[in-house]
Amino acid sequence: MPPRVLVIGCGNLLRGDDAAGPVLVRRMWARGLPRGVRCADGGTGGMDVAFQMRGVPRVVLVDACSSGSEPGTRFEVPGAEVEHLPPLSGINLHAFRWDHAIAFARWLLKEEYPADVTAYLVEGRRFEVGEGLSPQVDAAVDRLVDILLDGLSPAEAPA
């Protein structure tokens, strides 16, 4: 049975705060997922993320960002705001971001594209290889786990 909700954590576990998405997925797994919810570690494979979205009604992507805001700041971006990006020219797999994954999925999946896509971005402080999460991002990831688990509809509640 396919999931009703798919949470995908994007990012690189080896690059400090860039690990926010995969760490969130691991924390959700550790807490226990409600029936109908699946988590996936999207790592840095944006195109793979698009394929995992096929036919799932609700998708949540979580990634780190670097916008110059206060570390740990959380942004919520409706997928509809980025699903029609201009054609991706001159891009390679190492520069394939969360918004590219959403736009690529919209183009690729057509009628199998999810009805509800949301991206949560957590402002990072450090992205150096070998670093762990900064305290601000660590706390923001915990808060986001609570928000996501608490926000599931009754139909998605544990059995």
N, C-alpha and C. Protein backbone atom coordinates (compact mmCIF):
# COMPACT_ATOMS: atom_id res chain seq x y z
N MET A 1 0.85 -1.19 0.00
CA MET A 1 0.00 0.00 0.00
C MET A 1 0.89 1.25 0.00
N PRO A 2 0.71 2.14 -0.95
CA PRO A 2 1.55 3.34 -1.00
C PRO A 2 1.24 4.27 0.17
N PRO A 3 2.21 5.04 0.59
CA PRO A 3 1.98 5.97 1.71
C PRO A 3 1.05 7.11 1.29
N ARG A 4 0.39 7.70 2.28
CA ARG A 4 -0.42 8.91 2.03
C ARG A 4 0.43 10.15 2.21
N VAL A 5 1.49 10.02 3.03
CA VAL A 5 2.40 11.13 3.28
C VAL A 5 3.83 10.60 3.15
N LEU A 6 4.64 11.35 2.43
CA LEU A 6 6.05 11.02 2.29
C LEU A 6 6.87 12.22 2.76
N VAL A 7 7.73 11.99 3.74
CA VAL A 7 8.64 13.03 4.22
C VAL A 7 10.03 12.68 3.70
N ILE A 8 10.62 13.60 2.95
CA ILE A 8 11.94 13.37 2.35
C ILE A 8 12.92 14.37 2.95
N GLY A 9 13.98 13.85 3.54
CA GLY A 9 15.04 14.70 4.08
C GLY A 9 16.18 14.78 3.09
N CYS A 10 16.45 15.98 2.61
CA CYS A 10 17.52 16.19 1.63
C CYS A 10 18.74 16.80 2.32
N GLY A 11 19.91 16.47 1.82
CA GLY A 11 21.13 17.05 2.37
C GLY A 11 22.23 16.04 2.54
N ASN A 12 23.36 16.53 2.99
CA ASN A 12 24.58 15.73 3.11
C ASN A 12 24.95 15.56 4.58
N LEU A 13 24.90 14.33 5.06
CA LEU A 13 25.22 14.04 6.46
C LEU A 13 26.64 14.43 6.86
N LEU A 14 27.51 14.60 5.89
CA LEU A 14 28.92 14.88 6.19
C LEU A 14 29.25 16.37 6.22
N ARG A 15 28.27 17.24 5.97
CA ARG A 15 28.55 18.67 5.83
C ARG A 15 27.78 19.52 6.83
N GLY A 16 27.99 19.29 8.11
CA GLY A 16 27.42 20.15 9.14
C GLY A 16 25.91 20.28 9.04
N ASP A 17 25.45 21.51 9.01
CA ASP A 17 24.01 21.79 9.02
C ASP A 17 23.30 21.33 7.75
N ASP A 18 24.04 21.01 6.71
CA ASP A 18 23.42 20.46 5.51
C ASP A 18 22.74 19.12 5.81
N ALA A 19 23.05 18.53 6.95
CA ALA A 19 22.47 17.24 7.35
C ALA A 19 21.08 17.39 7.96
N ALA A 20 20.53 18.58 8.03
CA ALA A 20 19.24 18.80 8.70
C ALA A 20 18.15 17.85 8.18
N GLY A 21 18.02 17.70 6.88
CA GLY A 21 16.97 16.83 6.32
C GLY A 21 17.15 15.37 6.68
N PRO A 22 18.31 14.77 6.39
CA PRO A 22 18.51 13.37 6.77
C PRO A 22 18.43 13.13 8.28
N VAL A 23 18.89 14.08 9.10
CA VAL A 23 18.80 13.92 10.55
C VAL A 23 17.32 13.93 10.97
N LEU A 24 16.53 14.82 10.38
CA LEU A 24 15.10 14.85 10.69
C LEU A 24 14.45 13.50 10.39
N VAL A 25 14.76 12.93 9.26
CA VAL A 25 14.19 11.63 8.88
C VAL A 25 14.57 10.57 9.92
N ARG A 26 15.81 10.55 10.35
CA ARG A 26 16.26 9.57 11.33
C ARG A 26 15.54 9.76 12.67
N ARG A 27 15.32 11.01 13.04
CA ARG A 27 14.61 11.27 14.30
C ARG A 27 13.14 10.87 14.20
N MET A 28 12.54 11.06 13.05
CA MET A 28 11.15 10.61 12.87
C MET A 28 11.07 9.09 12.92
N TRP A 29 12.00 8.40 12.28
CA TRP A 29 12.04 6.94 12.35
C TRP A 29 12.15 6.49 13.81
N ALA A 30 13.03 7.15 14.57
CA ALA A 30 13.26 6.77 15.96
C ALA A 30 12.02 6.98 16.82
N ARG A 31 11.23 7.99 16.52
CA ARG A 31 10.01 8.28 17.29
C ARG A 31 8.86 7.38 16.89
N GLY A 32 8.92 6.82 15.70
CA GLY A 32 7.83 5.97 15.21
C GLY A 32 6.91 6.75 14.29
N LEU A 33 6.67 6.17 13.14
CA LEU A 33 5.85 6.84 12.13
C LEU A 33 4.40 6.40 12.22
N PRO A 34 3.49 7.34 12.09
CA PRO A 34 2.07 6.99 12.03
C PRO A 34 1.77 6.15 10.78
N ARG A 35 0.69 5.40 10.85
CA ARG A 35 0.25 4.61 9.70
C ARG A 35 0.05 5.54 8.49
N GLY A 36 0.50 5.10 7.34
CA GLY A 36 0.33 5.88 6.12
C GLY A 36 1.43 6.88 5.86
N VAL A 37 2.41 6.97 6.76
CA VAL A 37 3.51 7.93 6.61
C VAL A 37 4.79 7.15 6.35
N ARG A 38 5.55 7.62 5.37
CA ARG A 38 6.86 7.02 5.08
C ARG A 38 7.88 8.14 5.04
N CYS A 39 9.06 7.86 5.52
CA CYS A 39 10.18 8.80 5.45
C CYS A 39 11.24 8.23 4.54
N ALA A 40 11.92 9.11 3.84
CA ALA A 40 13.01 8.70 2.96
C ALA A 40 14.16 9.68 3.10
N ASP A 41 15.36 9.14 3.17
CA ASP A 41 16.55 9.97 3.17
C ASP A 41 16.89 10.24 1.71
N GLY A 42 16.60 11.46 1.27
CA GLY A 42 16.87 11.84 -0.11
C GLY A 42 18.31 12.18 -0.37
N GLY A 43 19.10 12.28 0.71
CA GLY A 43 20.51 12.59 0.56
C GLY A 43 20.71 13.79 -0.34
N THR A 44 21.57 13.63 -1.32
CA THR A 44 21.84 14.70 -2.28
C THR A 44 21.35 14.32 -3.68
N GLY A 45 20.49 13.32 -3.76
CA GLY A 45 20.01 12.82 -5.05
C GLY A 45 18.67 13.42 -5.43
N GLY A 46 18.67 14.66 -5.88
CA GLY A 46 17.44 15.36 -6.21
C GLY A 46 16.55 14.66 -7.21
N MET A 47 17.15 14.03 -8.22
CA MET A 47 16.33 13.34 -9.21
C MET A 47 15.66 12.12 -8.59
N ASP A 48 16.36 11.43 -7.69
CA ASP A 48 15.75 10.30 -7.00
C ASP A 48 14.55 10.74 -6.17
N VAL A 49 14.63 11.93 -5.58
CA VAL A 49 13.53 12.47 -4.80
C VAL A 49 12.28 12.57 -5.67
N ALA A 50 12.43 13.04 -6.88
CA ALA A 50 11.29 13.18 -7.77
C ALA A 50 10.60 11.85 -8.01
N PHE A 51 11.35 10.80 -8.23
CA PHE A 51 10.75 9.49 -8.48
C PHE A 51 10.02 8.96 -7.25
N GLN A 52 10.51 9.25 -6.05
CA GLN A 52 9.84 8.78 -4.84
C GLN A 52 8.50 9.45 -4.61
N MET A 53 8.28 10.61 -5.21
CA MET A 53 7.05 11.36 -5.04
C MET A 53 5.88 10.80 -5.86
N ARG A 54 6.15 9.94 -6.79
CA ARG A 54 5.13 9.44 -7.72
C ARG A 54 3.93 8.84 -6.97
N GLY A 55 2.74 9.43 -7.22
CA GLY A 55 1.50 8.88 -6.71
C GLY A 55 1.23 9.09 -5.23
N VAL A 56 2.09 9.79 -4.52
CA VAL A 56 1.87 10.05 -3.09
C VAL A 56 1.07 11.35 -2.98
N PRO A 57 -0.06 11.35 -2.26
CA PRO A 57 -0.89 12.56 -2.19
C PRO A 57 -0.21 13.76 -1.53
N ARG A 58 0.57 13.51 -0.48
CA ARG A 58 1.17 14.62 0.28
C ARG A 58 2.66 14.36 0.45
N VAL A 59 3.48 15.34 0.08
CA VAL A 59 4.93 15.21 0.20
C VAL A 59 5.48 16.42 0.96
N VAL A 60 6.38 16.13 1.88
CA VAL A 60 7.08 17.15 2.64
C VAL A 60 8.57 16.96 2.40
N LEU A 61 9.22 17.99 1.88
CA LEU A 61 10.68 17.96 1.72
C LEU A 61 11.29 18.82 2.80
N VAL A 62 12.40 18.36 3.38
CA VAL A 62 13.11 19.13 4.40
C VAL A 62 14.56 19.23 3.97
N ASP A 63 15.09 20.45 4.02
CA ASP A 63 16.46 20.68 3.61
C ASP A 63 17.01 21.86 4.39
N ALA A 64 18.31 22.00 4.39
CA ALA A 64 18.97 23.17 4.97
C ALA A 64 19.05 24.26 3.90
N CYS A 65 19.21 25.48 4.35
CA CYS A 65 19.40 26.58 3.41
C CYS A 65 20.42 27.55 3.98
N SER A 66 20.85 28.46 3.14
CA SER A 66 21.81 29.48 3.54
C SER A 66 21.38 30.80 2.91
N SER A 67 20.49 31.50 3.61
CA SER A 67 19.93 32.74 3.07
C SER A 67 20.46 33.98 3.77
N GLY A 68 21.26 33.78 4.83
CA GLY A 68 21.74 34.91 5.61
C GLY A 68 20.87 35.20 6.81
N SER A 69 19.82 34.42 7.01
CA SER A 69 18.94 34.59 8.18
C SER A 69 19.60 34.00 9.42
N GLU A 70 18.96 34.18 10.54
CA GLU A 70 19.45 33.64 11.81
C GLU A 70 19.48 32.11 11.74
N PRO A 71 20.59 31.47 12.13
CA PRO A 71 20.65 30.00 12.12
C PRO A 71 19.49 29.40 12.91
N GLY A 72 18.90 28.35 12.35
CA GLY A 72 17.77 27.69 12.97
C GLY A 72 16.43 28.22 12.52
N THR A 73 16.42 29.33 11.78
CA THR A 73 15.16 29.86 11.26
C THR A 73 14.54 28.84 10.31
N ARG A 74 13.23 28.66 10.43
CA ARG A 74 12.52 27.70 9.58
C ARG A 74 11.66 28.46 8.57
N PHE A 75 11.74 28.03 7.33
CA PHE A 75 10.93 28.59 6.26
C PHE A 75 10.01 27.50 5.72
N GLU A 76 8.78 27.87 5.43
CA GLU A 76 7.83 26.95 4.81
C GLU A 76 7.52 27.47 3.41
N VAL A 77 7.76 26.63 2.41
CA VAL A 77 7.57 27.02 1.02
C VAL A 77 6.58 26.06 0.36
N PRO A 78 5.41 26.54 -0.05
CA PRO A 78 4.49 25.68 -0.79
C PRO A 78 5.12 25.23 -2.10
N GLY A 79 5.00 23.97 -2.42
CA GLY A 79 5.57 23.43 -3.65
C GLY A 79 5.10 24.18 -4.89
N ALA A 80 3.86 24.67 -4.86
CA ALA A 80 3.31 25.37 -6.02
C ALA A 80 4.14 26.61 -6.38
N GLU A 81 4.86 27.16 -5.42
CA GLU A 81 5.68 28.35 -5.70
C GLU A 81 6.92 28.05 -6.53
N VAL A 82 7.33 26.78 -6.57
CA VAL A 82 8.56 26.46 -7.30
C VAL A 82 8.38 25.33 -8.31
N GLU A 83 7.18 24.78 -8.44
CA GLU A 83 7.01 23.62 -9.31
C GLU A 83 7.08 23.95 -10.80
N HIS A 84 7.05 25.23 -11.14
CA HIS A 84 7.14 25.62 -12.54
C HIS A 84 8.35 26.51 -12.78
N LEU A 85 9.49 26.11 -12.24
CA LEU A 85 10.73 26.85 -12.49
C LEU A 85 11.03 26.84 -13.99
N PRO A 86 11.79 27.83 -14.46
CA PRO A 86 12.20 27.79 -15.86
C PRO A 86 13.02 26.53 -16.14
N PRO A 87 13.14 26.14 -17.38
CA PRO A 87 13.92 24.94 -17.70
C PRO A 87 15.30 24.98 -17.07
N LEU A 88 15.72 23.84 -16.60
CA LEU A 88 17.02 23.73 -15.93
C LEU A 88 18.11 23.55 -16.98
N SER A 89 18.82 24.61 -17.26
CA SER A 89 19.89 24.50 -18.25
C SER A 89 21.23 24.68 -17.56
N GLY A 90 22.21 23.93 -18.01
CA GLY A 90 23.55 24.05 -17.48
C GLY A 90 23.69 23.56 -16.05
N ILE A 91 22.74 22.77 -15.58
CA ILE A 91 22.81 22.28 -14.20
C ILE A 91 23.35 20.87 -14.18
N ASN A 92 24.03 20.52 -13.11
CA ASN A 92 24.53 19.15 -12.98
C ASN A 92 23.98 18.55 -11.70
N LEU A 93 24.20 17.27 -11.50
CA LEU A 93 23.62 16.59 -10.34
C LEU A 93 24.11 17.15 -9.02
N HIS A 94 25.29 17.76 -8.98
CA HIS A 94 25.80 18.31 -7.73
C HIS A 94 25.17 19.65 -7.40
N ALA A 95 24.51 20.27 -8.36
CA ALA A 95 23.86 21.55 -8.13
C ALA A 95 22.35 21.43 -8.17
N PHE A 96 21.83 20.23 -8.06
CA PHE A 96 20.40 19.94 -8.14
C PHE A 96 19.80 20.13 -6.75
N ARG A 97 19.05 21.22 -6.55
CA ARG A 97 18.54 21.60 -5.23
C ARG A 97 17.12 21.07 -5.01
N TRP A 98 16.60 21.31 -3.81
CA TRP A 98 15.24 20.91 -3.44
C TRP A 98 14.20 21.50 -4.39
N ASP A 99 14.36 22.76 -4.77
CA ASP A 99 13.37 23.38 -5.67
C ASP A 99 13.47 22.79 -7.07
N HIS A 100 14.65 22.41 -7.49
CA HIS A 100 14.79 21.73 -8.78
C HIS A 100 14.10 20.37 -8.73
N ALA A 101 14.23 19.67 -7.59
CA ALA A 101 13.59 18.36 -7.44
C ALA A 101 12.08 18.49 -7.57
N ILE A 102 11.50 19.52 -6.97
CA ILE A 102 10.05 19.73 -7.07
C ILE A 102 9.66 20.04 -8.51
N ALA A 103 10.37 20.95 -9.16
CA ALA A 103 10.05 21.30 -10.54
C ALA A 103 10.24 20.11 -11.47
N PHE A 104 11.30 19.35 -11.27
CA PHE A 104 11.54 18.17 -12.09
C PHE A 104 10.42 17.15 -11.88
N ALA A 105 10.01 16.94 -10.63
CA ALA A 105 8.93 15.99 -10.33
C ALA A 105 7.63 16.43 -11.00
N ARG A 106 7.33 17.74 -10.96
CA ARG A 106 6.10 18.25 -11.60
C ARG A 106 6.12 17.95 -13.10
N TRP A 107 7.28 18.18 -13.73
CA TRP A 107 7.41 17.91 -15.16
C TRP A 107 7.33 16.41 -15.45
N LEU A 108 8.02 15.62 -14.66
CA LEU A 108 8.13 14.19 -14.91
C LEU A 108 6.85 13.42 -14.61
N LEU A 109 6.24 13.70 -13.47
CA LEU A 109 5.14 12.87 -12.97
C LEU A 109 3.78 13.22 -13.54
N LYS A 110 3.64 14.39 -14.09
CA LYS A 110 2.37 14.83 -14.70
C LYS A 110 1.20 14.57 -13.74
N GLU A 111 0.25 13.71 -14.11
CA GLU A 111 -0.94 13.47 -13.29
C GLU A 111 -0.64 12.66 -12.03
N GLU A 112 0.54 12.10 -11.92
CA GLU A 112 0.93 11.37 -10.70
C GLU A 112 1.69 12.26 -9.71
N TYR A 113 1.77 13.56 -10.02
CA TYR A 113 2.42 14.51 -9.13
C TYR A 113 1.54 14.71 -7.89
N PRO A 114 2.14 14.80 -6.70
CA PRO A 114 1.35 14.95 -5.48
C PRO A 114 0.46 16.20 -5.49
N ALA A 115 -0.70 16.08 -4.86
CA ALA A 115 -1.61 17.22 -4.76
C ALA A 115 -1.11 18.26 -3.77
N ASP A 116 -0.33 17.83 -2.79
CA ASP A 116 0.13 18.71 -1.72
C ASP A 116 1.63 18.51 -1.50
N VAL A 117 2.42 19.51 -1.86
CA VAL A 117 3.87 19.47 -1.68
C VAL A 117 4.29 20.71 -0.89
N THR A 118 5.05 20.48 0.17
CA THR A 118 5.56 21.57 0.98
C THR A 118 7.03 21.32 1.26
N ALA A 119 7.83 22.37 1.18
CA ALA A 119 9.24 22.28 1.57
C ALA A 119 9.44 23.08 2.85
N TYR A 120 10.17 22.49 3.79
CA TYR A 120 10.59 23.20 4.99
C TYR A 120 12.10 23.33 4.89
N LEU A 121 12.57 24.56 5.03
CA LEU A 121 14.00 24.84 4.97
C LEU A 121 14.45 25.35 6.32
N VAL A 122 15.59 24.87 6.77
CA VAL A 122 16.15 25.29 8.05
C VAL A 122 17.46 26.02 7.75
N GLU A 123 17.52 27.25 8.20
CA GLU A 123 18.73 28.06 7.98
C GLU A 123 19.91 27.47 8.74
N GLY A 124 20.97 27.17 8.01
CA GLY A 124 22.17 26.61 8.61
C GLY A 124 23.18 27.67 8.99
N ARG A 125 24.13 27.25 9.81
CA ARG A 125 25.22 28.15 10.23
C ARG A 125 26.55 27.69 9.68
N ARG A 126 26.75 26.35 9.68
CA ARG A 126 28.04 25.83 9.23
C ARG A 126 27.80 24.64 8.30
N PHE A 127 28.59 24.59 7.25
CA PHE A 127 28.42 23.56 6.23
C PHE A 127 29.74 22.87 5.89
N GLU A 128 30.70 22.92 6.81
CA GLU A 128 32.01 22.35 6.56
C GLU A 128 31.96 20.82 6.69
N VAL A 129 32.78 20.17 5.88
CA VAL A 129 32.88 18.71 5.94
C VAL A 129 33.36 18.30 7.32
N GLY A 130 32.71 17.30 7.91
CA GLY A 130 33.11 16.77 9.19
C GLY A 130 32.44 17.42 10.39
N GLU A 131 31.73 18.50 10.18
CA GLU A 131 31.04 19.17 11.29
C GLU A 131 29.71 18.46 11.57
N GLY A 132 29.24 18.57 12.81
CA GLY A 132 27.91 18.12 13.17
C GLY A 132 26.93 19.27 13.04
N LEU A 133 25.69 19.02 13.42
CA LEU A 133 24.70 20.10 13.39
C LEU A 133 25.07 21.17 14.41
N SER A 134 24.87 22.42 14.06
CA SER A 134 25.03 23.49 15.03
C SER A 134 23.89 23.38 16.04
N PRO A 135 24.06 23.91 17.25
CA PRO A 135 23.00 23.82 18.26
C PRO A 135 21.67 24.42 17.78
N GLN A 136 21.73 25.51 17.02
CA GLN A 136 20.50 26.15 16.54
C GLN A 136 19.74 25.24 15.56
N VAL A 137 20.47 24.61 14.66
CA VAL A 137 19.84 23.73 13.68
C VAL A 137 19.36 22.45 14.35
N ASP A 138 20.13 21.93 15.28
CA ASP A 138 19.73 20.74 16.03
C ASP A 138 18.38 20.98 16.71
N ALA A 139 18.23 22.11 17.37
CA ALA A 139 16.98 22.45 18.06
C ALA A 139 15.85 22.66 17.04
N ALA A 140 16.14 23.31 15.92
CA ALA A 140 15.12 23.55 14.89
C ALA A 140 14.63 22.23 14.29
N VAL A 141 15.52 21.28 14.10
CA VAL A 141 15.13 19.97 13.56
C VAL A 141 14.19 19.27 14.55
N ASP A 142 14.51 19.31 15.84
CA ASP A 142 13.63 18.71 16.84
C ASP A 142 12.24 19.35 16.82
N ARG A 143 12.19 20.68 16.73
CA ARG A 143 10.89 21.37 16.68
C ARG A 143 10.12 20.96 15.43
N LEU A 144 10.81 20.83 14.32
CA LEU A 144 10.14 20.46 13.07
C LEU A 144 9.63 19.02 13.12
N VAL A 145 10.35 18.12 13.75
CA VAL A 145 9.85 16.75 13.94
C VAL A 145 8.52 16.81 14.69
N ASP A 146 8.47 17.59 15.78
CA ASP A 146 7.23 17.73 16.55
C ASP A 146 6.10 18.29 15.69
N ILE A 147 6.39 19.33 14.94
CA ILE A 147 5.38 19.96 14.08
C ILE A 147 4.85 18.97 13.06
N LEU A 148 5.75 18.25 12.41
CA LEU A 148 5.30 17.31 11.37
C LEU A 148 4.49 16.17 11.96
N LEU A 149 4.94 15.58 13.06
CA LEU A 149 4.20 14.47 13.65
C LEU A 149 2.87 14.92 14.24
N ASP A 150 2.84 16.11 14.85
CA ASP A 150 1.60 16.63 15.42
C ASP A 150 0.60 17.07 14.35
N GLY A 151 1.11 17.43 13.17
CA GLY A 151 0.26 17.96 12.13
C GLY A 151 -0.39 16.95 11.20
N LEU A 152 -0.15 15.69 11.46
CA LEU A 152 -0.76 14.66 10.59
C LEU A 152 -2.25 14.58 10.88
N SER A 153 -3.02 14.37 9.83
CA SER A 153 -4.48 14.28 9.98
C SER A 153 -4.86 13.01 10.74
N PRO A 154 -6.07 12.96 11.30
CA PRO A 154 -6.49 11.75 12.01
C PRO A 154 -6.41 10.49 11.14
N ALA A 155 -6.62 10.62 9.86
CA ALA A 155 -6.53 9.45 8.95
C ALA A 155 -5.11 8.92 8.88
N GLU A 156 -4.14 9.76 9.26
CA GLU A 156 -2.74 9.36 9.20
C GLU A 156 -2.18 9.01 10.58
N ALA A 157 -3.07 8.95 11.57
CA ALA A 157 -2.65 8.68 12.95
C ALA A 157 -2.26 7.22 13.09
N PRO A 158 -1.47 6.92 14.14
CA PRO A 158 -1.04 5.53 14.35
C PRO A 158 -2.24 4.61 14.54
N ALA A 159 -2.09 3.38 14.14
CA ALA A 159 -3.17 2.39 14.28
C ALA A 159 -3.30 1.94 15.72
